[in-house]
Amino acid sequence: MRAVILGGIARRVLDELLRNPYRTIELRSARNVLAVEKAMDEALKLFLTYDPIEDVSTGTEGLLADLIEAKQLEMRVPWEESDEREITVCRAKVKLFGLGRVVEVERRERILVAKVRELFPHEMNMG
């Protein structure tokens, strides 16, 4: 199956998603925000991984999730904390679909789309 890759997801978020299959995640990385938009446009699944996007390759393991809904919000940043005054945040409501391993990675513009093989729990090496 094809899935859009969300990289650099906190281990805590992945663990919580394994315990409770529904979760709203807040994304601030521009690449992940664009990836969620792509998933919405093409009705693709999401592949969430702890690995940074630059390290995702064949064999990378993570979680597969259905994207239920997504909202983009513009948030103001106090000028003392940043050189920018606003950031775009995406809140994506997801439902755990299963476990997966990347078989093939394809770069589409600024995001990665992967062919992912669904795994059984005993096949996972994430630890």
Protein backbone atom coordinates (compact mmCIF):
# COMPACT_ATOMS: atom_id res chain seq x y z
CA MET A 1 0.00 0.00 0.00
CA ARG A 2 1.08 3.62 -0.51
CA ALA A 3 1.43 6.01 2.42
CA VAL A 4 2.71 9.53 2.99
CA ILE A 5 5.63 9.62 5.43
CA LEU A 6 5.57 11.75 8.57
CA GLY A 7 9.10 11.71 9.97
CA GLY A 8 10.53 12.72 13.33
CA ILE A 9 7.41 11.84 15.32
CA ALA A 10 8.07 11.70 19.07
CA ARG A 11 8.35 8.22 20.57
CA ARG A 12 5.75 9.25 23.18
CA VAL A 13 3.19 9.92 20.41
CA LEU A 14 3.86 6.57 18.74
CA ASP A 15 3.51 4.75 22.07
CA GLU A 16 0.25 6.55 22.87
CA LEU A 17 -1.13 5.67 19.44
CA LEU A 18 -0.35 2.01 20.07
CA ARG A 19 -2.27 2.15 23.37
CA ASN A 20 -5.22 4.15 22.02
CA PRO A 21 -5.89 3.88 18.27
CA TYR A 22 -7.39 7.39 17.98
CA ARG A 23 -5.23 10.46 18.53
CA THR A 24 -4.90 14.05 17.41
CA ILE A 25 -1.30 14.92 16.66
CA GLU A 26 0.05 18.44 16.35
CA LEU A 27 2.56 18.94 13.56
CA ARG A 28 4.83 21.96 13.23
CA SER A 29 7.37 20.72 10.71
CA ALA A 30 6.62 22.30 7.33
CA ARG A 31 7.41 19.01 5.59
CA ASN A 32 4.95 17.09 7.78
CA VAL A 33 2.25 19.76 7.30
CA LEU A 34 2.66 19.46 3.51
CA ALA A 35 2.58 15.66 3.81
CA VAL A 36 -0.77 15.77 5.61
CA GLU A 37 -2.16 18.03 2.87
CA LYS A 38 -1.00 15.51 0.25
CA ALA A 39 -2.57 12.62 2.18
CA MET A 40 -5.89 14.51 2.35
CA ASP A 41 -5.81 15.36 -1.37
CA GLU A 42 -5.03 11.82 -2.50
CA ALA A 43 -6.78 9.87 0.29
CA LEU A 44 -3.54 8.13 1.26
CA LYS A 45 -2.63 6.55 4.56
CA LEU A 46 0.02 8.05 6.83
CA PHE A 47 3.24 6.30 7.82
CA LEU A 48 4.48 7.70 11.14
CA THR A 49 8.06 7.05 12.15
CA TYR A 50 10.48 8.21 14.82
CA ASP A 51 13.29 8.43 12.25
CA PRO A 52 14.10 11.82 10.75
CA ILE A 53 12.84 12.16 7.20
CA GLU A 54 16.40 12.12 5.81
CA ASP A 55 16.97 8.67 7.35
CA VAL A 56 13.79 7.01 6.04
CA SER A 57 14.68 4.27 3.57
CA THR A 58 13.87 0.67 2.71
CA GLY A 59 13.41 -1.23 5.98
CA THR A 60 12.31 1.73 8.13
CA GLU A 61 9.55 0.68 10.51
CA GLY A 62 6.65 2.69 11.86
CA LEU A 63 2.92 2.94 12.30
CA LEU A 64 0.29 3.11 9.59
CA ALA A 65 -2.68 5.37 10.25
CA ASP A 66 -5.82 6.58 8.53
CA LEU A 67 -6.19 10.36 8.37
CA ILE A 68 -9.65 11.20 9.68
CA GLU A 69 -9.44 14.99 9.50
CA ALA A 70 -6.88 17.77 9.51
CA LYS A 71 -6.97 21.47 10.33
CA GLN A 72 -4.33 24.11 9.76
CA LEU A 73 -4.01 26.89 12.30
CA GLU A 74 -1.96 30.04 12.22
CA MET A 75 -0.39 30.75 15.60
CA ARG A 76 1.27 33.95 16.68
CA VAL A 77 4.71 33.65 18.22
CA PRO A 78 5.98 36.19 20.79
CA TRP A 79 8.64 38.25 19.03
CA GLU A 80 11.17 37.51 21.78
CA GLU A 81 11.14 33.78 20.93
CA SER A 82 11.48 33.84 17.15
CA ASP A 83 12.43 35.88 14.12
CA GLU A 84 9.02 35.05 12.66
CA ARG A 85 5.72 36.29 13.99
CA GLU A 86 3.55 33.35 12.90
CA ILE A 87 3.84 29.61 12.47
CA THR A 88 1.52 27.19 10.75
CA VAL A 89 0.42 24.26 12.88
CA CYS A 90 -1.54 21.30 11.61
CA ARG A 91 -3.71 19.22 13.90
CA ALA A 92 -4.36 15.83 12.34
CA LYS A 93 -6.80 13.35 13.80
CA VAL A 94 -5.59 9.84 13.00
CA LYS A 95 -6.70 6.27 13.60
CA LEU A 96 -4.12 3.52 13.95
CA PHE A 97 -4.34 1.10 11.03
CA GLY A 98 -1.39 -1.15 11.74
CA LEU A 99 2.35 -1.60 11.76
CA GLY A 100 4.45 -1.21 8.65
CA ARG A 101 7.87 -1.39 7.02
CA VAL A 102 8.99 0.72 4.06
CA VAL A 103 9.59 -1.30 0.89
CA GLU A 104 10.25 1.58 -1.51
CA VAL A 105 10.51 5.37 -1.14
CA GLU A 106 9.44 7.86 -3.78
CA ARG A 107 10.12 11.61 -3.50
CA ARG A 108 7.21 13.75 -4.71
CA GLU A 109 8.07 17.42 -4.69
CA ARG A 110 8.95 18.10 -1.04
CA ILE A 111 7.40 15.04 0.57
CA LEU A 112 8.07 11.32 0.63
CA VAL A 113 5.54 8.69 -0.39
CA ALA A 114 6.39 5.10 0.41
CA LYS A 115 5.25 1.70 -0.62
CA VAL A 116 4.70 0.06 2.76
CA ARG A 117 4.21 -3.56 3.73
CA GLU A 118 1.89 -4.14 6.66
CA LEU A 119 3.53 -6.12 9.47
CA PHE A 120 2.34 -8.46 12.16
CA PRO A 121 3.22 -7.38 15.74
CA HIS A 122 5.87 -10.10 16.13
CA GLU A 123 7.75 -8.75 13.06
CA MET A 124 8.36 -5.27 14.53
CA ASN A 125 11.82 -4.29 15.73
CA MET A 126 10.96 -0.80 17.04
CA GLY A 127 12.13 -0.58 20.60
